[in-house]
Amino acid sequence: MIKMKTILHPTDFSEPSKHAMKYAISMSDEFSAKLVILHVIEEISSALYFDMLQTPPLAQLMADIEKQANKALQELLPADVRARLKVEYLIRKGAPFLEIIRCAQEIEADLIVCGTHGRSGIKHALFGSVAEKVVRKAPCPVLSVRHPEQEFEMPR
């Protein structure tokens, strides 16, 4: 029998991510596993290039973003879910797919449950797919959940 002690759910607070969270909650319930909810804040690379990260306005902006993310994480789960599950909230900074993989390794996740935006074509080429990169590089199984309202676009 498969045993799961820790389930990782990365979130960007989007609708696809919220939909995938339902699966993460259900799996955590089923296996009595700890649910770790992770949000990754992408660092502003152009600011690093111009060495502006040290300026107070940008530093304050990053602090405000982290504060807002923390608040959003705390409000993500309904009270009844928080009461019955062991939940941990994490915030990381960096490239989302890398931080998700690093976090999965560090917490020894047995499963990653992530939503996918279902981008294809030019959108996929420009933005890439965090979920796809996680599936390819993760140290554990990944359940990739597509939002039911996301239309499938057949590749040409």
C-alpha atoms as a PDB file:
ATOM      1  CA  MET A   1       0.000   0.000   0.000  1.00  0.00           C
ATOM      2  CA  ILE A   2       1.221   3.485  -0.818  1.00  0.00           C
ATOM      3  CA  LYS A   3       1.774   5.705   2.214  1.00  0.00           C
ATOM      4  CA  MET A   4       1.793   9.447   1.961  1.00  0.00           C
ATOM      5  CA  LYS A   5       2.951  11.540   4.882  1.00  0.00           C
ATOM      6  CA  THR A   6       3.472  14.887   3.169  1.00  0.00           C
ATOM      7  CA  ILE A   7       1.634  16.441   0.235  1.00  0.00           C
ATOM      8  CA  LEU A   8       2.892  19.638  -1.363  1.00  0.00           C
ATOM      9  CA  HIS A   9       0.486  22.032  -3.055  1.00  0.00           C
ATOM     10  CA  PRO A  10       2.147  24.969  -4.796  1.00  0.00           C
ATOM     11  CA  THR A  11      -0.244  27.852  -5.367  1.00  0.00           C
ATOM     12  CA  ASP A  12      -0.221  31.074  -7.341  1.00  0.00           C
ATOM     13  CA  PHE A  13      -3.752  31.841  -6.056  1.00  0.00           C
ATOM     14  CA  SER A  14      -5.212  31.402  -9.574  1.00  0.00           C
ATOM     15  CA  GLU A  15      -8.454  29.550 -10.300  1.00  0.00           C
ATOM     16  CA  PRO A  16      -6.599  26.484 -11.668  1.00  0.00           C
ATOM     17  CA  SER A  17      -4.523  26.406  -8.494  1.00  0.00           C
ATOM     18  CA  LYS A  18      -7.589  26.706  -6.268  1.00  0.00           C
ATOM     19  CA  HIS A  19      -9.205  23.851  -8.188  1.00  0.00           C
ATOM     20  CA  ALA A  20      -6.103  21.662  -7.703  1.00  0.00           C
ATOM     21  CA  MET A  21      -6.177  22.479  -3.991  1.00  0.00           C
ATOM     22  CA  LYS A  22      -9.424  20.491  -3.714  1.00  0.00           C
ATOM     23  CA  TYR A  23      -7.468  17.418  -4.826  1.00  0.00           C
ATOM     24  CA  ALA A  24      -4.628  18.193  -2.415  1.00  0.00           C
ATOM     25  CA  ILE A  25      -7.105  18.483   0.470  1.00  0.00           C
ATOM     26  CA  SER A  26      -8.850  15.260  -0.509  1.00  0.00           C
ATOM     27  CA  MET A  27      -5.551  13.356  -0.763  1.00  0.00           C
ATOM     28  CA  SER A  28      -4.391  14.779   2.583  1.00  0.00           C
ATOM     29  CA  ASP A  29      -7.672  13.675   4.146  1.00  0.00           C
ATOM     30  CA  GLU A  30      -7.488  10.207   2.600  1.00  0.00           C
ATOM     31  CA  PHE A  31      -3.911   9.534   3.731  1.00  0.00           C
ATOM     32  CA  SER A  32      -3.956  11.608   6.948  1.00  0.00           C
ATOM     33  CA  ALA A  33      -0.998  13.428   5.442  1.00  0.00           C
ATOM     34  CA  LYS A  34       0.373  16.844   6.263  1.00  0.00           C
ATOM     35  CA  LEU A  35      -0.545  19.413   3.622  1.00  0.00           C
ATOM     36  CA  VAL A  36       2.184  21.916   2.797  1.00  0.00           C
ATOM     37  CA  ILE A  37       0.963  24.915   0.815  1.00  0.00           C
ATOM     38  CA  LEU A  38       3.717  26.803  -0.977  1.00  0.00           C
ATOM     39  CA  HIS A  39       3.657  30.165  -2.714  1.00  0.00           C
ATOM     40  CA  VAL A  40       6.675  31.305  -4.709  1.00  0.00           C
ATOM     41  CA  ILE A  41       7.292  35.007  -5.230  1.00  0.00           C
ATOM     42  CA  GLU A  42       9.187  35.613  -8.432  1.00  0.00           C
ATOM     43  CA  GLU A  43      12.051  38.008  -7.917  1.00  0.00           C
ATOM     44  CA  ILE A  44      12.281  40.979 -10.194  1.00  0.00           C
ATOM     45  CA  SER A  45      15.275  40.116 -12.375  1.00  0.00           C
ATOM     46  CA  SER A  46      15.519  43.462 -14.155  1.00  0.00           C
ATOM     47  CA  ALA A  47      15.893  45.142 -10.760  1.00  0.00           C
ATOM     48  CA  LEU A  48      18.854  42.878 -10.043  1.00  0.00           C
ATOM     49  CA  TYR A  49      20.361  43.824 -13.389  1.00  0.00           C
ATOM     50  CA  PHE A  50      20.182  47.523 -12.588  1.00  0.00           C
ATOM     51  CA  ASP A  51      21.150  46.964  -8.943  1.00  0.00           C
ATOM     52  CA  MET A  52      17.963  48.648  -7.805  1.00  0.00           C
ATOM     53  CA  LEU A  53      17.013  45.932  -5.322  1.00  0.00           C
ATOM     54  CA  GLN A  54      18.693  47.867  -2.534  1.00  0.00           C
ATOM     55  CA  THR A  55      16.579  50.964  -3.053  1.00  0.00           C
ATOM     56  CA  PRO A  56      13.904  51.384  -0.385  1.00  0.00           C
ATOM     57  CA  PRO A  57      10.876  51.571  -2.746  1.00  0.00           C
ATOM     58  CA  LEU A  58      11.622  48.216  -4.406  1.00  0.00           C
ATOM     59  CA  ALA A  59      12.639  46.582  -1.148  1.00  0.00           C
ATOM     60  CA  GLN A  60       9.391  47.846   0.375  1.00  0.00           C
ATOM     61  CA  LEU A  61       7.429  46.544  -2.608  1.00  0.00           C
ATOM     62  CA  MET A  62       8.909  43.053  -2.154  1.00  0.00           C
ATOM     63  CA  ALA A  63       8.116  43.173   1.588  1.00  0.00           C
ATOM     64  CA  ASP A  64       4.537  44.225   0.804  1.00  0.00           C
ATOM     65  CA  ILE A  65       4.171  41.405  -1.733  1.00  0.00           C
ATOM     66  CA  GLU A  66       5.376  38.886   0.848  1.00  0.00           C
ATOM     67  CA  LYS A  67       2.994  40.292   3.472  1.00  0.00           C
ATOM     68  CA  GLN A  68       0.045  40.056   1.035  1.00  0.00           C
ATOM     69  CA  ALA A  69       1.026  36.495   0.061  1.00  0.00           C
ATOM     70  CA  ASN A  70       1.209  35.484   3.713  1.00  0.00           C
ATOM     71  CA  LYS A  71      -2.260  36.911   4.329  1.00  0.00           C
ATOM     72  CA  ALA A  72      -3.651  35.170   1.224  1.00  0.00           C
ATOM     73  CA  LEU A  73      -2.160  31.840   2.337  1.00  0.00           C
ATOM     74  CA  GLN A  74      -3.766  32.135   5.767  1.00  0.00           C
ATOM     75  CA  GLU A  75      -7.168  32.797   4.151  1.00  0.00           C
ATOM     76  CA  LEU A  76      -6.901  30.076   1.512  1.00  0.00           C
ATOM     77  CA  LEU A  77      -8.389  27.168   3.463  1.00  0.00           C
ATOM     78  CA  PRO A  78     -11.796  27.121   5.116  1.00  0.00           C
ATOM     79  CA  ALA A  79     -11.774  26.874   8.929  1.00  0.00           C
ATOM     80  CA  ASP A  80     -13.123  23.305   8.939  1.00  0.00           C
ATOM     81  CA  VAL A  81     -10.245  22.139   6.722  1.00  0.00           C
ATOM     82  CA  ARG A  82      -7.655  23.924   8.888  1.00  0.00           C
ATOM     83  CA  ALA A  83      -9.187  22.247  11.931  1.00  0.00           C
ATOM     84  CA  ARG A  84      -8.987  18.681  10.633  1.00  0.00           C
ATOM     85  CA  LEU A  85      -5.715  18.732   8.664  1.00  0.00           C
ATOM     86  CA  LYS A  86      -2.156  19.394   9.661  1.00  0.00           C
ATOM     87  CA  VAL A  87      -1.268  22.338   7.411  1.00  0.00           C
ATOM     88  CA  GLU A  88       1.982  24.223   6.916  1.00  0.00           C
ATOM     89  CA  TYR A  89       2.363  27.404   4.851  1.00  0.00           C
ATOM     90  CA  LEU A  90       5.605  28.353   3.114  1.00  0.00           C
ATOM     91  CA  ILE A  91       6.731  31.314   1.036  1.00  0.00           C
ATOM     92  CA  ARG A  92       9.839  31.147  -1.144  1.00  0.00           C
ATOM     93  CA  LYS A  93      11.430  33.609  -3.535  1.00  0.00           C
ATOM     94  CA  GLY A  94      12.845  32.658  -6.915  1.00  0.00           C
ATOM     95  CA  ALA A  95      11.898  30.783 -10.060  1.00  0.00           C
ATOM     96  CA  PRO A  96       8.627  28.961  -9.261  1.00  0.00           C
ATOM     97  CA  PHE A  97       9.471  25.545 -10.729  1.00  0.00           C
ATOM     98  CA  LEU A  98      12.905  25.487  -9.067  1.00  0.00           C
ATOM     99  CA  GLU A  99      11.553  26.483  -5.674  1.00  0.00           C
ATOM    100  CA  ILE A 100       8.750  23.917  -5.904  1.00  0.00           C
ATOM    101  CA  ILE A 101      11.271  21.170  -6.634  1.00  0.00           C
ATOM    102  CA  ARG A 102      13.646  22.360  -3.875  1.00  0.00           C
ATOM    103  CA  CYS A 103      10.797  22.514  -1.397  1.00  0.00           C
ATOM    104  CA  ALA A 104       9.587  19.019  -2.352  1.00  0.00           C
ATOM    105  CA  GLN A 105      13.094  17.686  -1.699  1.00  0.00           C
ATOM    106  CA  GLU A 106      13.486  19.543   1.614  1.00  0.00           C
ATOM    107  CA  ILE A 107      10.148  18.476   3.080  1.00  0.00           C
ATOM    108  CA  GLU A 108      10.436  14.993   1.560  1.00  0.00           C
ATOM    109  CA  ALA A 109       7.086  15.351  -0.195  1.00  0.00           C
ATOM    110  CA  ASP A 110       5.407  12.122  -1.216  1.00  0.00           C
ATOM    111  CA  LEU A 111       3.226  13.897  -3.787  1.00  0.00           C
ATOM    112  CA  ILE A 112       2.970  17.305  -5.439  1.00  0.00           C
ATOM    113  CA  VAL A 113      -0.527  18.427  -6.439  1.00  0.00           C
ATOM    114  CA  CYS A 114      -0.450  21.400  -8.782  1.00  0.00           C
ATOM    115  CA  GLY A 115      -2.845  23.187 -11.049  1.00  0.00           C
ATOM    116  CA  THR A 116      -2.066  23.907 -14.659  1.00  0.00           C
ATOM    117  CA  HIS A 117      -3.134  26.869 -16.722  1.00  0.00           C
ATOM    118  CA  GLY A 118      -3.310  24.703 -19.835  1.00  0.00           C
ATOM    119  CA  ARG A 119      -1.424  27.125 -22.031  1.00  0.00           C
ATOM    120  CA  SER A 120      -0.492  25.936 -25.484  1.00  0.00           C
ATOM    121  CA  GLY A 121       0.939  27.339 -28.671  1.00  0.00           C
ATOM    122  CA  ILE A 122       2.524  30.768 -28.466  1.00  0.00           C
ATOM    123  CA  LYS A 123       1.444  31.319 -24.846  1.00  0.00           C
ATOM    124  CA  HIS A 124       3.238  28.116 -23.847  1.00  0.00           C
ATOM    125  CA  ALA A 125       6.323  29.129 -25.822  1.00  0.00           C
ATOM    126  CA  LEU A 126       6.443  32.580 -24.216  1.00  0.00           C
ATOM    127  CA  PHE A 127       5.520  31.729 -20.643  1.00  0.00           C
ATOM    128  CA  GLY A 128       6.498  28.065 -20.426  1.00  0.00           C
ATOM    129  CA  SER A 129       4.762  25.771 -18.041  1.00  0.00           C
ATOM    130  CA  VAL A 130       5.671  25.599 -14.389  1.00  0.00           C
ATOM    131  CA  ALA A 131       3.607  22.411 -14.018  1.00  0.00           C
ATOM    132  CA  GLU A 132       5.353  20.766 -16.973  1.00  0.00           C
ATOM    133  CA  LYS A 133       8.813  21.566 -15.577  1.00  0.00           C
ATOM    134  CA  VAL A 134       7.785  20.287 -12.149  1.00  0.00           C
ATOM    135  CA  VAL A 135       6.489  17.032 -13.656  1.00  0.00           C
ATOM    136  CA  ARG A 136       9.793  16.509 -15.490  1.00  0.00           C
ATOM    137  CA  LYS A 137      12.119  17.339 -12.574  1.00  0.00           C
ATOM    138  CA  ALA A 138      10.221  16.505  -9.367  1.00  0.00           C
ATOM    139  CA  PRO A 139      11.700  14.051  -6.862  1.00  0.00           C
ATOM    140  CA  CYS A 140       8.263  12.489  -6.297  1.00  0.00           C
ATOM    141  CA  PRO A 141       5.024  11.823  -8.213  1.00  0.00           C
ATOM    142  CA  VAL A 142       3.102  14.876  -9.437  1.00  0.00           C
ATOM    143  CA  LEU A 143      -0.639  15.172  -9.897  1.00  0.00           C
ATOM    144  CA  SER A 144      -1.249  17.901 -12.464  1.00  0.00           C
ATOM    145  CA  VAL A 145      -4.850  19.126 -12.366  1.00  0.00           C
ATOM    146  CA  ARG A 146      -6.410  21.062 -15.226  1.00  0.00           C
ATOM    147  CA  HIS A 147      -9.247  23.444 -14.375  1.00  0.00           C
ATOM    148  CA  PRO A 148     -12.549  22.075 -15.796  1.00  0.00           C
ATOM    149  CA  GLU A 149     -13.320  25.339 -17.602  1.00  0.00           C
ATOM    150  CA  GLN A 150      -9.957  25.326 -19.374  1.00  0.00           C
ATOM    151  CA  GLU A 151     -10.557  24.520 -23.024  1.00  0.00           C
ATOM    152  CA  PHE A 152      -8.211  22.042 -24.639  1.00  0.00           C
ATOM    153  CA  GLU A 153      -6.540  23.442 -27.731  1.00  0.00           C
ATOM    154  CA  MET A 154      -5.515  20.724 -30.166  1.00  0.00           C
ATOM    155  CA  PRO A 155      -1.959  21.351 -31.408  1.00  0.00           C
ATOM    156  CA  ARG A 156      -1.832  22.098 -35.131  1.00  0.00           C
END
